[in-house]
Amino acid sequence: MQARKTTRTARRTAAMRRKQVNIRLEAALYQTLQAIAGQERRSVPQTALHLLEAGLRQQIGGQVSRDDTPSREIAALAAAGGAFDWLADEPDLYDDTCGEPL
């Protein structure tokens, strides 16, 4: 009996930490969400959560969560690993005088 009570309490505590949002979407918007989910190999709810979190991060000023690696760190790792070394041998095709004046 004690195990059942502990399990029930654990579920109740977890439910208090996470909240649920139920929304209705236009059919076209849902189809777009399904397509993105398929490309990312995620479920539709996982994709919706991911997009919601990304939009909220952008809305609050681009603050990054602790589990999100900043792009400058990714670029530094790629550069340190030699991923862009081949660019040193490439000719400069464009300079400041190319294109139309602003």
PDB file of N, CA and C in Angstrom:
ATOM      1  N   MET A   1       0.815  -1.190   0.000  1.00  0.00           N
ATOM      2  CA  MET A   1       0.000   0.000   0.000  1.00  0.00           C
ATOM      3  C   MET A   1       0.860   1.256   0.000  1.00  0.00           C
ATOM      4  N   GLN A   2       1.979   1.200   0.745  1.00  0.00           N
ATOM      5  CA  GLN A   2       2.868   2.358   0.838  1.00  0.00           C
ATOM      6  C   GLN A   2       3.442   2.709  -0.541  1.00  0.00           C
ATOM      7  N   ALA A   3       3.777   1.699  -1.357  1.00  0.00           N
ATOM      8  CA  ALA A   3       4.346   1.946  -2.681  1.00  0.00           C
ATOM      9  C   ALA A   3       3.348   2.674  -3.571  1.00  0.00           C
ATOM     10  N   ARG A   4       2.075   2.300  -3.491  1.00  0.00           N
ATOM     11  CA  ARG A   4       1.041   2.968  -4.283  1.00  0.00           C
ATOM     12  C   ARG A   4       0.912   4.435  -3.907  1.00  0.00           C
ATOM     13  N   LYS A   5       0.942   4.704  -2.613  1.00  0.00           N
ATOM     14  CA  LYS A   5       0.813   6.071  -2.130  1.00  0.00           C
ATOM     15  C   LYS A   5       2.003   6.913  -2.587  1.00  0.00           C
ATOM     16  N   THR A   6       3.210   6.350  -2.528  1.00  0.00           N
ATOM     17  CA  THR A   6       4.415   7.057  -2.956  1.00  0.00           C
ATOM     18  C   THR A   6       4.357   7.345  -4.454  1.00  0.00           C
ATOM     19  N   THR A   7       3.928   6.381  -5.256  1.00  0.00           N
ATOM     20  CA  THR A   7       3.813   6.567  -6.696  1.00  0.00           C
ATOM     21  C   THR A   7       2.798   7.653  -7.020  1.00  0.00           C
ATOM     22  N   ARG A   8       1.666   7.636  -6.351  1.00  0.00           N
ATOM     23  CA  ARG A   8       0.635   8.647  -6.554  1.00  0.00           C
ATOM     24  C   ARG A   8       1.162  10.039  -6.208  1.00  0.00           C
ATOM     25  N   THR A   9       1.891  10.139  -5.120  1.00  0.00           N
ATOM     26  CA  THR A   9       2.466  11.412  -4.692  1.00  0.00           C
ATOM     27  C   THR A   9       3.495  11.900  -5.710  1.00  0.00           C
ATOM     28  N   ALA A  10       4.308  10.985  -6.217  1.00  0.00           N
ATOM     29  CA  ALA A  10       5.321  11.359  -7.214  1.00  0.00           C
ATOM     30  C   ALA A  10       4.656  11.887  -8.478  1.00  0.00           C
ATOM     31  N   ARG A  11       3.588  11.226  -8.921  1.00  0.00           N
ATOM     32  CA  ARG A  11       2.863  11.692 -10.118  1.00  0.00           C
ATOM     33  C   ARG A  11       2.258  13.065  -9.889  1.00  0.00           C
ATOM     34  N   ARG A  12       1.682  13.266  -8.726  1.00  0.00           N
ATOM     35  CA  ARG A  12       1.057  14.544  -8.404  1.00  0.00           C
ATOM     36  C   ARG A  12       2.100  15.664  -8.385  1.00  0.00           C
ATOM     37  N   THR A  13       3.280  15.385  -7.818  1.00  0.00           N
ATOM     38  CA  THR A  13       4.364  16.369  -7.765  1.00  0.00           C
ATOM     39  C   THR A  13       4.850  16.703  -9.176  1.00  0.00           C
ATOM     40  N   ALA A  14       5.008  15.693 -10.022  1.00  0.00           N
ATOM     41  CA  ALA A  14       5.443  15.922 -11.399  1.00  0.00           C
ATOM     42  C   ALA A  14       4.412  16.740 -12.159  1.00  0.00           C
ATOM     43  N   ALA A  15       3.143  16.470 -11.935  1.00  0.00           N
ATOM     44  CA  ALA A  15       2.081  17.209 -12.613  1.00  0.00           C
ATOM     45  C   ALA A  15       2.061  18.669 -12.194  1.00  0.00           C
ATOM     46  N   MET A  16       2.443  18.931 -10.955  1.00  0.00           N
ATOM     47  CA  MET A  16       2.463  20.314 -10.485  1.00  0.00           C
ATOM     48  C   MET A  16       3.608  21.097 -11.135  1.00  0.00           C
ATOM     49  N   ARG A  17       4.700  20.426 -11.498  1.00  0.00           N
ATOM     50  CA  ARG A  17       5.835  21.093 -12.123  1.00  0.00           C
ATOM     51  C   ARG A  17       5.573  21.392 -13.591  1.00  0.00           C
ATOM     52  N   ARG A  18       4.863  20.541 -14.276  1.00  0.00           N
ATOM     53  CA  ARG A  18       4.597  20.718 -15.692  1.00  0.00           C
ATOM     54  C   ARG A  18       3.142  21.062 -15.894  1.00  0.00           C
ATOM     55  N   LYS A  19       2.881  21.963 -16.792  1.00  0.00           N
ATOM     56  CA  LYS A  19       1.513  22.357 -17.118  1.00  0.00           C
ATOM     57  C   LYS A  19       1.212  21.953 -18.546  1.00  0.00           C
ATOM     58  N   GLN A  20      -0.051  21.824 -18.852  1.00  0.00           N
ATOM     59  CA  GLN A  20      -0.480  21.401 -20.166  1.00  0.00           C
ATOM     60  C   GLN A  20      -1.219  22.532 -20.856  1.00  0.00           C
ATOM     61  N   VAL A  21      -0.971  22.671 -22.157  1.00  0.00           N
ATOM     62  CA  VAL A  21      -1.651  23.676 -22.965  1.00  0.00           C
ATOM     63  C   VAL A  21      -2.371  22.945 -24.090  1.00  0.00           C
ATOM     64  N   ASN A  22      -3.663  23.118 -24.179  1.00  0.00           N
ATOM     65  CA  ASN A  22      -4.447  22.531 -25.263  1.00  0.00           C
ATOM     66  C   ASN A  22      -4.845  23.642 -26.215  1.00  0.00           C
ATOM     67  N   ILE A  23      -4.485  23.494 -27.487  1.00  0.00           N
ATOM     68  CA  ILE A  23      -4.823  24.515 -28.478  1.00  0.00           C
ATOM     69  C   ILE A  23      -5.404  23.853 -29.719  1.00  0.00           C
ATOM     70  N   ARG A  24      -6.203  24.613 -30.420  1.00  0.00           N
ATOM     71  CA  ARG A  24      -6.733  24.167 -31.701  1.00  0.00           C
ATOM     72  C   ARG A  24      -6.009  24.929 -32.801  1.00  0.00           C
ATOM     73  N   LEU A  25      -5.626  24.202 -33.864  1.00  0.00           N
ATOM     74  CA  LEU A  25      -4.896  24.798 -34.970  1.00  0.00           C
ATOM     75  C   LEU A  25      -5.688  24.683 -36.260  1.00  0.00           C
ATOM     76  N   GLU A  26      -5.487  25.635 -37.138  1.00  0.00           N
ATOM     77  CA  GLU A  26      -6.035  25.524 -38.489  1.00  0.00           C
ATOM     78  C   GLU A  26      -5.431  24.275 -39.132  1.00  0.00           C
ATOM     79  N   ALA A  27      -6.157  23.663 -40.034  1.00  0.00           N
ATOM     80  CA  ALA A  27      -5.689  22.426 -40.660  1.00  0.00           C
ATOM     81  C   ALA A  27      -4.356  22.631 -41.376  1.00  0.00           C
ATOM     82  N   ALA A  28      -4.210  23.744 -42.084  1.00  0.00           N
ATOM     83  CA  ALA A  28      -2.966  24.006 -42.815  1.00  0.00           C
ATOM     84  C   ALA A  28      -1.784  24.164 -41.868  1.00  0.00           C
ATOM     85  N   LEU A  29      -2.006  24.810 -40.742  1.00  0.00           N
ATOM     86  CA  LEU A  29      -0.944  24.994 -39.761  1.00  0.00           C
ATOM     87  C   LEU A  29      -0.548  23.660 -39.141  1.00  0.00           C
ATOM     88  N   TYR A  30      -1.522  22.811 -38.877  1.00  0.00           N
ATOM     89  CA  TYR A  30      -1.230  21.491 -38.321  1.00  0.00           C
ATOM     90  C   TYR A  30      -0.452  20.644 -39.325  1.00  0.00           C
ATOM     91  N   GLN A  31      -0.817  20.742 -40.603  1.00  0.00           N
ATOM     92  CA  GLN A  31      -0.093  19.991 -41.637  1.00  0.00           C
ATOM     93  C   GLN A  31       1.361  20.457 -41.719  1.00  0.00           C
ATOM     94  N   THR A  32       1.585  21.755 -41.575  1.00  0.00           N
ATOM     95  CA  THR A  32       2.944  22.286 -41.565  1.00  0.00           C
ATOM     96  C   THR A  32       3.705  21.742 -40.362  1.00  0.00           C
ATOM     97  N   LEU A  33       3.050  21.709 -39.221  1.00  0.00           N
ATOM     98  CA  LEU A  33       3.663  21.168 -38.016  1.00  0.00           C
ATOM     99  C   LEU A  33       4.004  19.692 -38.203  1.00  0.00           C
ATOM    100  N   GLN A  34       3.124  18.944 -38.844  1.00  0.00           N
ATOM    101  CA  GLN A  34       3.383  17.529 -39.126  1.00  0.00           C
ATOM    102  C   GLN A  34       4.588  17.374 -40.050  1.00  0.00           C
ATOM    103  N   ALA A  35       4.687  18.235 -41.061  1.00  0.00           N
ATOM    104  CA  ALA A  35       5.806  18.160 -42.001  1.00  0.00           C
ATOM    105  C   ALA A  35       7.128  18.438 -41.292  1.00  0.00           C
ATOM    106  N   ILE A  36       7.146  19.444 -40.444  1.00  0.00           N
ATOM    107  CA  ILE A  36       8.363  19.762 -39.689  1.00  0.00           C
ATOM    108  C   ILE A  36       8.718  18.600 -38.766  1.00  0.00           C
ATOM    109  N   ALA A  37       7.720  18.040 -38.117  1.00  0.00           N
ATOM    110  CA  ALA A  37       7.946  16.900 -37.223  1.00  0.00           C
ATOM    111  C   ALA A  37       8.559  15.732 -37.994  1.00  0.00           C
ATOM    112  N   GLY A  38       8.062  15.483 -39.192  1.00  0.00           N
ATOM    113  CA  GLY A  38       8.609  14.406 -40.015  1.00  0.00           C
ATOM    114  C   GLY A  38      10.058  14.648 -40.397  1.00  0.00           C
ATOM    115  N   GLN A  39      10.378  15.897 -40.757  1.00  0.00           N
ATOM    116  CA  GLN A  39      11.757  16.233 -41.129  1.00  0.00           C
ATOM    117  C   GLN A  39      12.706  16.075 -39.949  1.00  0.00           C
ATOM    118  N   GLU A  40      12.242  16.438 -38.761  1.00  0.00           N
ATOM    119  CA  GLU A  40      13.087  16.381 -37.573  1.00  0.00           C
ATOM    120  C   GLU A  40      13.005  15.042 -36.844  1.00  0.00           C
ATOM    121  N   ARG A  41      12.187  14.132 -37.386  1.00  0.00           N
ATOM    122  CA  ARG A  41      11.985  12.813 -36.778  1.00  0.00           C
ATOM    123  C   ARG A  41      11.541  12.929 -35.318  1.00  0.00           C
ATOM    124  N   ARG A  42      10.546  13.776 -35.110  1.00  0.00           N
ATOM    125  CA  ARG A  42       9.944  13.973 -33.791  1.00  0.00           C
ATOM    126  C   ARG A  42       8.451  13.768 -33.914  1.00  0.00           C
ATOM    127  N   SER A  43       7.806  13.664 -32.779  1.00  0.00           N
ATOM    128  CA  SER A  43       6.346  13.607 -32.791  1.00  0.00           C
ATOM    129  C   SER A  43       5.832  15.038 -32.951  1.00  0.00           C
ATOM    130  N   VAL A  44       4.568  15.161 -33.314  1.00  0.00           N
ATOM    131  CA  VAL A  44       3.969  16.488 -33.457  1.00  0.00           C
ATOM    132  C   VAL A  44       3.991  17.242 -32.117  1.00  0.00           C
ATOM    133  N   PRO A  45       3.623  16.619 -30.987  1.00  0.00           N
ATOM    134  CA  PRO A  45       3.705  17.348 -29.715  1.00  0.00           C
ATOM    135  C   PRO A  45       5.126  17.779 -29.359  1.00  0.00           C
ATOM    136  N   GLN A  46       6.122  16.925 -29.621  1.00  0.00           N
ATOM    137  CA  GLN A  46       7.514  17.295 -29.350  1.00  0.00           C
ATOM    138  C   GLN A  46       7.923  18.494 -30.202  1.00  0.00           C
ATOM    139  N   THR A  47       7.526  18.489 -31.463  1.00  0.00           N
ATOM    140  CA  THR A  47       7.859  19.584 -32.368  1.00  0.00           C
ATOM    141  C   THR A  47       7.170  20.866 -31.939  1.00  0.00           C
ATOM    142  N   ALA A  48       5.905  20.771 -31.556  1.00  0.00           N
ATOM    143  CA  ALA A  48       5.176  21.954 -31.093  1.00  0.00           C
ATOM    144  C   ALA A  48       5.850  22.539 -29.861  1.00  0.00           C
ATOM    145  N   LEU A  49       6.261  21.684 -28.925  1.00  0.00           N
ATOM    146  CA  LEU A  49       6.942  22.148 -27.721  1.00  0.00           C
ATOM    147  C   LEU A  49       8.269  22.817 -28.074  1.00  0.00           C
ATOM    148  N   HIS A  50       9.023  22.187 -28.973  1.00  0.00           N
ATOM    149  CA  HIS A  50      10.306  22.739 -29.387  1.00  0.00           C
ATOM    150  C   HIS A  50      10.133  24.124 -30.021  1.00  0.00           C
ATOM    151  N   LEU A  51       9.175  24.263 -30.923  1.00  0.00           N
ATOM    152  CA  LEU A  51       8.935  25.547 -31.579  1.00  0.00           C
ATOM    153  C   LEU A  51       8.420  26.593 -30.597  1.00  0.00           C
ATOM    154  N   LEU A  52       7.584  26.182 -29.670  1.00  0.00           N
ATOM    155  CA  LEU A  52       7.075  27.098 -28.654  1.00  0.00           C
ATOM    156  C   LEU A  52       8.220  27.612 -27.780  1.00  0.00           C
ATOM    157  N   GLU A  53       9.089  26.704 -27.343  1.00  0.00           N
ATOM    158  CA  GLU A  53      10.225  27.102 -26.510  1.00  0.00           C
ATOM    159  C   GLU A  53      11.156  28.043 -27.270  1.00  0.00           C
ATOM    160  N   ALA A  54      11.429  27.745 -28.550  1.00  0.00           N
ATOM    161  CA  ALA A  54      12.312  28.601 -29.347  1.00  0.00           C
ATOM    162  C   ALA A  54      11.697  29.989 -29.522  1.00  0.00           C
ATOM    163  N   GLY A  55      10.407  30.041 -29.768  1.00  0.00           N
ATOM    164  CA  GLY A  55       9.735  31.328 -29.910  1.00  0.00           C
ATOM    165  C   GLY A  55       9.740  32.125 -28.622  1.00  0.00           C
ATOM    166  N   LEU A  56       9.546  31.463 -27.509  1.00  0.00           N
ATOM    167  CA  LEU A  56       9.577  32.151 -26.218  1.00  0.00           C
ATOM    168  C   LEU A  56      10.978  32.666 -25.894  1.00  0.00           C
ATOM    169  N   ARG A  57      12.016  31.866 -26.210  1.00  0.00           N
ATOM    170  CA  ARG A  57      13.392  32.326 -25.989  1.00  0.00           C
ATOM    171  C   ARG A  57      13.665  33.587 -26.801  1.00  0.00           C
ATOM    172  N   GLN A  58      13.216  33.585 -28.051  1.00  0.00           N
ATOM    173  CA  GLN A  58      13.412  34.756 -28.910  1.00  0.00           C
ATOM    174  C   GLN A  58      12.636  35.952 -28.369  1.00  0.00           C
ATOM    175  N   GLN A  59      11.446  35.725 -27.901  1.00  0.00           N
ATOM    176  CA  GLN A  59      10.591  36.795 -27.382  1.00  0.00           C
ATOM    177  C   GLN A  59      11.189  37.454 -26.144  1.00  0.00           C
ATOM    178  N   ILE A  60      11.866  36.674 -25.307  1.00  0.00           N
ATOM    179  CA  ILE A  60      12.420  37.248 -24.082  1.00  0.00           C
ATOM    180  C   ILE A  60      13.836  37.766 -24.275  1.00  0.00           C
ATOM    181  N   GLY A  61      14.232  37.946 -25.499  1.00  0.00           N
ATOM    182  CA  GLY A  61      15.519  38.580 -25.764  1.00  0.00           C
ATOM    183  C   GLY A  61      16.640  37.641 -26.118  1.00  0.00           C
ATOM    184  N   GLY A  62      16.314  36.488 -26.628  1.00  0.00           N
ATOM    185  CA  GLY A  62      17.351  35.570 -27.077  1.00  0.00           C
ATOM    186  C   GLY A  62      18.140  34.925 -25.966  1.00  0.00           C
ATOM    187  N   GLN A  63      17.607  34.927 -24.754  1.00  0.00           N
ATOM    188  CA  GLN A  63      18.314  34.256 -23.673  1.00  0.00           C
ATOM    189  C   GLN A  63      18.376  32.762 -23.964  1.00  0.00           C
ATOM    190  N   VAL A  64      19.505  32.181 -23.705  1.00  0.00           N
ATOM    191  CA  VAL A  64      19.737  30.786 -24.037  1.00  0.00           C
ATOM    192  C   VAL A  64      19.570  29.932 -22.791  1.00  0.00           C
ATOM    193  N   SER A  65      18.895  28.818 -22.955  1.00  0.00           N
ATOM    194  CA  SER A  65      18.756  27.903 -21.825  1.00  0.00           C
ATOM    195  C   SER A  65      20.085  27.192 -21.581  1.00  0.00           C
ATOM    196  N   ARG A  66      20.233  26.590 -20.424  1.00  0.00           N
ATOM    197  CA  ARG A  66      21.478  25.930 -20.052  1.00  0.00           C
ATOM    198  C   ARG A  66      21.817  24.759 -20.960  1.00  0.00           C
ATOM    199  N   ASP A  67      20.830  24.140 -21.590  1.00  0.00           N
ATOM    200  CA  ASP A  67      21.099  22.977 -22.422  1.00  0.00           C
ATOM    201  C   ASP A  67      21.262  23.331 -23.896  1.00  0.00           C
ATOM    202  N   ASP A  68      21.345  24.611 -24.225  1.00  0.00           N
ATOM    203  CA  ASP A  68      21.488  25.059 -25.600  1.00  0.00           C
ATOM    204  C   ASP A  68      22.892  25.632 -25.791  1.00  0.00           C
ATOM    205  N   THR A  69      23.662  25.078 -26.727  1.00  0.00           N
ATOM    206  CA  THR A  69      25.027  25.528 -26.964  1.00  0.00           C
ATOM    207  C   THR A  69      25.007  26.783 -27.827  1.00  0.00           C
ATOM    208  N   PRO A  70      25.663  27.862 -27.387  1.00  0.00           N
ATOM    209  CA  PRO A  70      25.698  29.093 -28.188  1.00  0.00           C
ATOM    210  C   PRO A  70      26.401  28.871 -29.529  1.00  0.00           C
ATOM    211  N   SER A  71      25.951  29.558 -30.562  1.00  0.00           N
ATOM    212  CA  SER A  71      26.504  29.372 -31.904  1.00  0.00           C
ATOM    213  C   SER A  71      27.975  29.748 -31.964  1.00  0.00           C
ATOM    214  N   ARG A  72      28.409  30.738 -31.165  1.00  0.00           N
ATOM    215  CA  ARG A  72      29.832  31.114 -31.203  1.00  0.00           C
ATOM    216  C   ARG A  72      30.711  29.962 -30.711  1.00  0.00           C
ATOM    217  N   GLU A  73      30.204  29.165 -29.758  1.00  0.00           N
ATOM    218  CA  GLU A  73      30.970  28.010 -29.293  1.00  0.00           C
ATOM    219  C   GLU A  73      31.035  26.929 -30.362  1.00  0.00           C
ATOM    220  N   ILE A  74      29.941  26.729 -31.078  1.00  0.00           N
ATOM    221  CA  ILE A  74      29.922  25.746 -32.163  1.00  0.00           C
ATOM    222  C   ILE A  74      30.886  26.171 -33.259  1.00  0.00           C
ATOM    223  N   ALA A  75      30.890  27.467 -33.622  1.00  0.00           N
ATOM    224  CA  ALA A  75      31.804  27.978 -34.651  1.00  0.00           C
ATOM    225  C   ALA A  75      33.260  27.824 -34.208  1.00  0.00           C
ATOM    226  N   ALA A  76      33.543  28.100 -32.936  1.00  0.00           N
ATOM    227  CA  ALA A  76      34.912  27.961 -32.425  1.00  0.00           C
ATOM    228  C   ALA A  76      35.370  26.506 -32.500  1.00  0.00           C
ATOM    229  N   LEU A  77      34.479  25.570 -32.161  1.00  0.00           N
ATOM    230  CA  LEU A  77      34.818  24.151 -32.255  1.00  0.00           C
ATOM    231  C   LEU A  77      35.087  23.732 -33.697  1.00  0.00           C
ATOM    232  N   ALA A  78      34.255  24.219 -34.622  1.00  0.00           N
ATOM    233  CA  ALA A  78      34.442  23.879 -36.038  1.00  0.00           C
ATOM    234  C   ALA A  78      35.758  24.452 -36.562  1.00  0.00           C
ATOM    235  N   ALA A  79      36.070  25.686 -36.181  1.00  0.00           N
ATOM    236  CA  ALA A  79      37.317  26.305 -36.626  1.00  0.00           C
ATOM    237  C   ALA A  79      38.526  25.593 -36.024  1.00  0.00           C
ATOM    238  N   ALA A  80      38.451  25.255 -34.750  1.00  0.00           N
ATOM    239  CA  ALA A  80      39.555  24.566 -34.085  1.00  0.00           C
ATOM    240  C   ALA A  80      39.764  23.169 -34.660  1.00  0.00           C
ATOM    241  N   GLY A  81      38.689  22.558 -35.121  1.00  0.00           N
ATOM    242  CA  GLY A  81      38.780  21.216 -35.685  1.00  0.00           C
ATOM    243  C   GLY A  81      39.236  21.191 -37.125  1.00  0.00           C
ATOM    244  N   GLY A  82      39.404  22.375 -37.730  1.00  0.00           N
ATOM    245  CA  GLY A  82      39.886  22.436 -39.111  1.00  0.00           C
ATOM    246  C   GLY A  82      38.797  22.360 -40.157  1.00  0.00           C
ATOM    247  N   ALA A  83      37.560  22.508 -39.781  1.00  0.00           N
ATOM    248  CA  ALA A  83      36.460  22.385 -40.733  1.00  0.00           C
ATOM    249  C   ALA A  83      36.480  23.463 -41.811  1.00  0.00           C
ATOM    250  N   PHE A  84      37.086  24.612 -41.507  1.00  0.00           N
ATOM    251  CA  PHE A  84      37.098  25.714 -42.476  1.00  0.00           C
ATOM    252  C   PHE A  84      38.484  25.969 -43.058  1.00  0.00           C
ATOM    253  N   ASP A  85      39.435  25.080 -42.833  1.00  0.00           N
ATOM    254  CA  ASP A  85      40.794  25.276 -43.335  1.00  0.00           C
ATOM    255  C   ASP A  85      40.846  25.388 -44.858  1.00  0.00           C
ATOM    256  N   TRP A  86      39.989  24.709 -45.554  1.00  0.00           N
ATOM    257  CA  TRP A  86      39.988  24.736 -47.009  1.00  0.00           C
ATOM    258  C   TRP A  86      39.683  26.129 -47.553  1.00  0.00           C
ATOM    259  N   LEU A  87      39.058  26.979 -46.768  1.00  0.00           N
ATOM    260  CA  LEU A  87      38.728  28.327 -47.242  1.00  0.00           C
ATOM    261  C   LEU A  87      39.976  29.181 -47.434  1.00  0.00           C
ATOM    262  N   ALA A  88      41.068  28.864 -46.760  1.00  0.00           N
ATOM    263  CA  ALA A  88      42.304  29.635 -46.893  1.00  0.00           C
ATOM    264  C   ALA A  88      42.852  29.555 -48.316  1.00  0.00           C
ATOM    265  N   ASP A  89      42.592  28.443 -49.020  1.00  0.00           N
ATOM    266  CA  ASP A  89      43.093  28.262 -50.388  1.00  0.00           C
ATOM    267  C   ASP A  89      42.139  28.796 -51.442  1.00  0.00           C
ATOM    268  N   GLU A  90      40.946  29.186 -51.048  1.00  0.00           N
ATOM    269  CA  GLU A  90      39.953  29.683 -51.996  1.00  0.00           C
ATOM    270  C   GLU A  90      40.240  31.142 -52.369  1.00  0.00           C
ATOM    271  N   PRO A  91      40.065  31.501 -53.657  1.00  0.00           N
ATOM    272  CA  PRO A  91      40.286  32.902 -54.042  1.00  0.00           C
ATOM    273  C   PRO A  91      39.166  33.790 -53.506  1.00  0.00           C
ATOM    274  N   ASP A  92      39.486  35.039 -53.243  1.00  0.00           N
ATOM    275  CA  ASP A  92      38.478  36.009 -52.821  1.00  0.00           C
ATOM    276  C   ASP A  92      37.736  36.485 -54.060  1.00  0.00           C
ATOM    277  N   LEU A  93      36.502  36.061 -54.221  1.00  0.00           N
ATOM    278  CA  LEU A  93      35.718  36.416 -55.396  1.00  0.00           C
ATOM    279  C   LEU A  93      35.024  37.757 -55.242  1.00  0.00           C
ATOM    280  N   TYR A  94      34.792  38.160 -54.027  1.00  0.00           N
ATOM    281  CA  TYR A  94      34.056  39.384 -53.771  1.00  0.00           C
ATOM    282  C   TYR A  94      34.830  40.257 -52.793  1.00  0.00           C
ATOM    283  N   ASP A  95      34.644  41.556 -52.957  1.00  0.00           N
ATOM    284  CA  ASP A  95      35.239  42.486 -51.996  1.00  0.00           C
ATOM    285  C   ASP A  95      34.236  43.599 -51.718  1.00  0.00           C
ATOM    286  N   ASP A  96      34.666  44.635 -51.035  1.00  0.00           N
ATOM    287  CA  ASP A  96      33.759  45.709 -50.633  1.00  0.00           C
ATOM    288  C   ASP A  96      33.197  46.501 -51.818  1.00  0.00           C
ATOM    289  N   THR A  97      33.852  46.428 -52.980  1.00  0.00           N
ATOM    290  CA  THR A  97      33.393  47.215 -54.136  1.00  0.00           C
ATOM    291  C   THR A  97      32.399  46.468 -55.002  1.00  0.00           C
ATOM    292  N   CYS A  98      32.167  45.200 -54.726  1.00  0.00           N
ATOM    293  CA  CYS A  98      31.224  44.405 -55.514  1.00  0.00           C
ATOM    294  C   CYS A  98      29.791  44.769 -55.164  1.00  0.00           C
ATOM    295  N   GLY A  99      28.920  44.599 -56.120  1.00  0.00           N
ATOM    296  CA  GLY A  99      27.493  44.821 -55.844  1.00  0.00           C
ATOM    297  C   GLY A  99      27.080  46.265 -56.027  1.00  0.00           C
ATOM    298  N   GLU A 100      25.862  46.514 -55.722  1.00  0.00           N
ATOM    299  CA  GLU A 100      25.309  47.856 -55.870  1.00  0.00           C
ATOM    300  C   GLU A 100      25.569  48.677 -54.630  1.00  0.00           C
ATOM    301  N   PRO A 101      25.756  49.999 -54.814  1.00  0.00           N
ATOM    302  CA  PRO A 101      25.940  50.843 -53.622  1.00  0.00           C
ATOM    303  C   PRO A 101      24.676  50.855 -52.773  1.00  0.00           C
ATOM    304  N   LEU A 102      24.842  50.983 -51.488  1.00  0.00           N
ATOM    305  CA  LEU A 102      23.703  50.985 -50.570  1.00  0.00           C
ATOM    306  C   LEU A 102      23.005  52.302 -50.570  1.00  0.00           C
TER     307      LEU A 102
END
